[in-house]
């Protein structure tokens, strides 16, 4: 397996994130955007997560308590989670180039098997009710005549959560599962009945690369 491009060391992570974020902010500047399709809200969210980490990181420079160390580790974990979602959704595709990714410190995949380095397919799906405490998700390649998953793909990543309000971003859906075949059945607790579940899907290939997320749909848990 290839080495993770995100540093584990806190000081290295701080430098890595500062460089990547500055690069992204420069190319998504509202007055002259090079990458106009990246939502400003997502860049702001990534910057906010990094700011939390920086505050916690600075508190551990010099003498510090175990609690401050834990706060730094938790902030780094949250920032890393935010970053991975951002990279996989926005920085793996044109107009972001291999040169851009190299400058940001994000790994480039080899170009020998180009059919497996970029996930171009999108997921389409419907949600059905089946019995009580279950939602059935039938999914397929958008525009396809059958429901087979793409060749060489692990399947579709299903993300979901039970919420009182509609999610504003995909990271708000905190539960994840790999669906290797359709349909995928979500099971809930008795206390969840009558609540609203929000669901989205994305194809993942055999290299673990994600495509573009579907729209977020919702259903009442029966």
Protein backbone atom coordinates (compact mmCIF):
# COMPACT_ATOMS: atom_id res chain seq x y z
CA UNK A 1 0.00 0.00 0.00
CA UNK A 2 1.18 3.53 -0.72
CA UNK A 3 2.20 5.84 2.11
CA UNK A 4 -0.50 8.16 3.38
CA UNK A 5 0.06 11.64 2.00
CA UNK A 6 -1.30 13.28 5.17
CA UNK A 7 1.44 13.62 7.83
CA UNK A 8 0.80 12.10 11.25
CA UNK A 9 3.34 14.28 13.05
CA UNK A 10 1.57 17.38 14.37
CA UNK A 11 4.21 19.90 13.28
CA UNK A 12 4.43 18.39 9.80
CA UNK A 13 0.65 18.27 9.58
CA UNK A 14 0.51 21.97 10.50
CA UNK A 15 2.92 22.90 7.70
CA UNK A 16 1.20 20.58 5.21
CA UNK A 17 -2.25 22.01 5.93
CA UNK A 18 -1.05 25.62 5.85
CA UNK A 19 0.47 25.08 2.40
CA UNK A 20 -2.53 23.19 0.99
CA UNK A 21 -5.09 25.62 2.32
CA UNK A 22 -3.22 28.66 1.02
CA UNK A 23 -2.99 27.00 -2.40
CA UNK A 24 -6.70 26.20 -2.46
CA UNK A 25 -7.73 29.66 -1.23
CA UNK A 26 -5.64 31.33 -3.92
CA UNK A 27 -7.28 29.29 -6.68
CA UNK A 28 -10.81 29.66 -5.35
CA UNK A 29 -10.59 33.41 -4.76
CA UNK A 30 -14.00 34.83 -5.63
CA UNK A 31 -12.54 37.69 -7.67
CA UNK A 32 -10.47 35.46 -9.95
CA UNK A 33 -11.26 31.78 -9.37
CA UNK A 34 -9.19 29.17 -11.17
CA UNK A 35 -11.33 26.43 -9.62
CA UNK A 36 -14.81 28.02 -9.69
CA UNK A 37 -16.74 24.80 -9.00
CA UNK A 38 -15.40 24.34 -5.46
CA UNK A 39 -18.01 25.85 -3.10
CA UNK A 40 -16.72 28.68 -0.94
CA UNK A 41 -18.54 27.16 2.03
CA UNK A 42 -16.43 24.01 1.78
CA UNK A 43 -13.19 25.98 1.68
CA UNK A 44 -14.38 27.96 4.71
CA UNK A 45 -15.25 24.74 6.53
CA UNK A 46 -11.79 23.30 5.85
CA UNK A 47 -10.16 26.53 7.02
CA UNK A 48 -12.24 26.48 10.21
CA UNK A 49 -11.19 22.92 11.01
CA UNK A 50 -7.55 23.88 10.48
CA UNK A 51 -7.94 26.95 12.70
CA UNK A 52 -9.19 24.74 15.53
CA UNK A 53 -6.18 22.47 15.08
CA UNK A 54 -3.76 25.42 14.97
CA UNK A 55 -5.11 26.78 18.26
CA UNK A 56 -4.73 23.37 19.89
CA UNK A 57 -1.30 22.88 18.30
CA UNK A 58 0.03 26.21 19.54
CA UNK A 59 -1.13 25.36 23.06
CA UNK A 60 1.19 22.33 23.07
CA UNK A 61 4.32 24.28 22.12
CA UNK A 62 6.36 24.40 25.30
CA UNK A 63 5.07 23.03 28.57
CA UNK A 64 1.56 21.64 28.28
CA UNK A 65 -0.87 19.29 29.94
CA UNK A 66 -2.08 15.84 28.85
CA UNK A 67 -5.49 17.41 28.24
CA UNK A 68 -3.97 19.88 25.79
CA UNK A 69 -2.22 17.04 23.98
CA UNK A 70 -5.51 15.18 23.69
CA UNK A 71 -7.24 18.32 22.39
CA UNK A 72 -4.55 18.65 19.72
CA UNK A 73 -4.91 15.02 18.65
CA UNK A 74 -8.68 15.26 18.44
CA UNK A 75 -8.50 18.51 16.46
CA UNK A 76 -5.99 16.93 14.07
CA UNK A 77 -8.25 13.91 13.59
CA UNK A 78 -11.24 16.13 12.81
CA UNK A 79 -9.23 18.29 10.43
CA UNK A 80 -7.88 15.17 8.69
CA UNK A 81 -11.42 13.85 8.24
CA UNK A 82 -12.52 17.17 6.76
CA UNK A 83 -9.49 17.25 4.49
CA UNK A 84 -9.93 13.71 3.11
CA UNK A 85 -13.52 14.45 2.14
CA UNK A 86 -12.48 17.72 0.50
CA UNK A 87 -9.62 16.15 -1.46
CA UNK A 88 -11.66 13.17 -2.68
CA UNK A 89 -14.59 15.32 -3.72
CA UNK A 90 -12.83 18.29 -5.29
CA UNK A 91 -9.09 17.84 -5.78
CA UNK A 92 -9.00 14.50 -7.62
CA UNK A 93 -10.56 15.86 -10.81
CA UNK A 94 -9.91 18.52 -13.49
CA UNK A 95 -9.32 21.42 -13.52
CA UNK A 96 -7.02 20.39 -10.63
CA UNK A 97 -3.90 18.95 -12.28
CA UNK A 98 -1.11 16.58 -11.27
CA UNK A 99 1.13 19.62 -10.91
CA UNK A 100 -1.38 21.22 -8.54
CA UNK A 101 -1.59 18.10 -6.41
CA UNK A 102 2.20 17.81 -6.26
CA UNK A 103 2.42 21.44 -5.11
CA UNK A 104 -0.16 20.77 -2.38
CA UNK A 105 1.50 17.56 -1.24
CA UNK A 106 -1.44 15.38 -2.34
CA UNK A 107 -0.43 12.08 -3.90
CA UNK A 108 -0.92 11.56 -7.61
CA UNK A 109 -2.00 8.17 -8.87
CA UNK A 110 -0.01 6.57 -11.64
CA UNK A 111 -1.30 7.17 -15.14
CA UNK A 112 -0.74 3.66 -16.48
CA UNK A 113 -4.27 2.51 -15.67
CA UNK A 114 -6.14 5.74 -16.15
CA UNK A 115 -9.46 3.93 -16.20
CA UNK A 116 -8.98 3.15 -12.51
CA UNK A 117 -7.51 6.43 -11.23
CA UNK A 118 -10.59 8.55 -11.80
CA UNK A 119 -14.14 7.57 -10.91
CA UNK A 120 -16.38 9.12 -13.54
CA UNK A 121 -19.59 7.17 -12.87
CA UNK A 122 -22.31 8.62 -10.66
CA UNK A 123 -24.78 6.76 -8.47
CA UNK A 124 -28.53 6.91 -8.97
CA UNK A 125 -30.81 5.29 -6.42
CA UNK A 126 -34.26 5.02 -4.87
CA UNK A 127 -35.30 4.36 -1.28
CA UNK A 128 -38.05 1.85 -0.49
CA UNK A 129 -39.78 1.01 2.78
CA UNK A 130 -39.70 -2.65 3.78
CA UNK A 131 -41.35 -3.79 6.98
CA UNK A 132 -40.54 -1.83 10.11
CA UNK A 133 -37.22 -0.19 11.05
CA UNK A 134 -35.76 -0.82 7.58
CA UNK A 135 -35.01 1.26 4.52
CA UNK A 136 -34.02 -0.47 1.29
CA UNK A 137 -31.65 1.42 -1.03
CA UNK A 138 -31.66 0.24 -4.64
CA UNK A 139 -28.75 1.80 -6.55
CA UNK A 140 -27.14 1.64 -9.99
CA UNK A 141 -24.84 3.54 -12.34
CA UNK A 142 -26.61 6.70 -13.42
CA UNK A 143 -27.86 6.24 -16.98
CA UNK A 144 -27.18 2.49 -17.09
CA UNK A 145 -29.73 -0.10 -18.21
CA UNK A 146 -28.81 -2.58 -15.48
CA UNK A 147 -27.92 -2.46 -11.80
CA UNK A 148 -24.45 -4.00 -12.01
CA UNK A 149 -21.64 -2.11 -10.30
CA UNK A 150 -18.81 -0.89 -12.56
CA UNK A 151 -16.02 -3.38 -13.31
CA UNK A 152 -13.13 -3.16 -10.88
CA UNK A 153 -15.12 -1.26 -8.27
CA UNK A 154 -15.58 -2.22 -4.62
CA UNK A 155 -19.13 -0.92 -4.72
CA UNK A 156 -20.94 2.16 -3.47
CA UNK A 157 -20.21 3.92 -0.20
CA UNK A 158 -23.49 4.67 1.56
CA UNK A 159 -23.49 7.58 3.99
CA UNK A 160 -26.47 8.44 6.17
CA UNK A 161 -27.69 10.00 9.38
CA UNK A 162 -30.89 10.66 11.29
CA UNK A 163 -31.47 14.41 11.53
CA UNK A 164 -34.10 16.97 12.43
CA UNK A 165 -32.92 19.27 9.64
CA UNK A 166 -31.59 18.68 6.14
CA UNK A 167 -27.77 18.38 5.99
CA UNK A 168 -25.84 21.22 4.41
CA UNK A 169 -22.85 19.11 3.41
CA UNK A 170 -21.97 15.46 2.95
CA UNK A 171 -19.78 15.41 6.08
CA UNK A 172 -22.95 15.97 8.12
CA UNK A 173 -23.88 12.35 7.33
CA UNK A 174 -21.71 10.56 9.87
CA UNK A 175 -22.54 6.88 9.25
CA UNK A 176 -20.72 5.04 6.45
CA UNK A 177 -20.97 1.56 4.95
CA UNK A 178 -19.72 -0.18 1.83
CA UNK A 179 -22.50 -1.67 -0.31
CA UNK A 180 -20.92 -4.26 -2.60
CA UNK A 181 -24.24 -5.06 -4.24
CA UNK A 182 -27.74 -3.68 -4.59
CA UNK A 183 -30.04 -3.45 -2.73
CA UNK A 184 -28.48 -2.23 0.51
CA UNK A 185 -30.62 -2.43 3.62
CA UNK A 186 -30.37 0.08 6.45
CA UNK A 187 -31.55 -1.20 9.83
CA UNK A 188 -32.68 1.13 12.59
CA UNK A 189 -33.75 0.96 16.24
CA UNK A 190 -37.33 1.06 17.48
CA UNK A 191 -36.74 4.54 18.89
CA UNK A 192 -35.84 5.77 15.38
CA UNK A 193 -39.26 5.06 13.90
CA UNK A 194 -40.94 8.19 12.54
CA UNK A 195 -37.64 10.07 12.29
CA UNK A 196 -36.06 11.25 9.03
CA UNK A 197 -33.00 9.54 7.60
CA UNK A 198 -30.88 11.39 5.03
CA UNK A 199 -28.86 9.27 2.59
CA UNK A 200 -26.29 9.74 -0.19
CA UNK A 201 -24.06 7.36 -2.18
CA UNK A 202 -20.80 7.49 -4.11
CA UNK A 203 -18.96 4.87 -6.18
CA UNK A 204 -15.58 3.67 -4.90
CA UNK A 205 -13.11 1.85 -7.14
CA UNK A 206 -10.63 -0.86 -6.18
CA UNK A 207 -8.00 1.75 -5.32
CA UNK A 208 -10.28 3.37 -2.78
CA UNK A 209 -10.87 6.44 -4.96
CA UNK A 210 -14.30 8.01 -4.64
CA UNK A 211 -16.36 9.58 -7.39
CA UNK A 212 -18.93 12.35 -7.11
CA UNK A 213 -21.61 12.01 -4.45
CA UNK A 214 -25.22 11.59 -5.45
CA UNK A 215 -27.87 14.02 -4.35
CA UNK A 216 -28.96 13.64 -0.73
CA UNK A 217 -32.37 12.01 -0.39
CA UNK A 218 -34.51 11.42 2.67
CA UNK A 219 -37.09 8.96 3.94
CA UNK A 220 -39.17 8.50 7.07
CA UNK A 221 -38.09 5.43 9.02
CA UNK A 222 -41.11 3.06 9.20
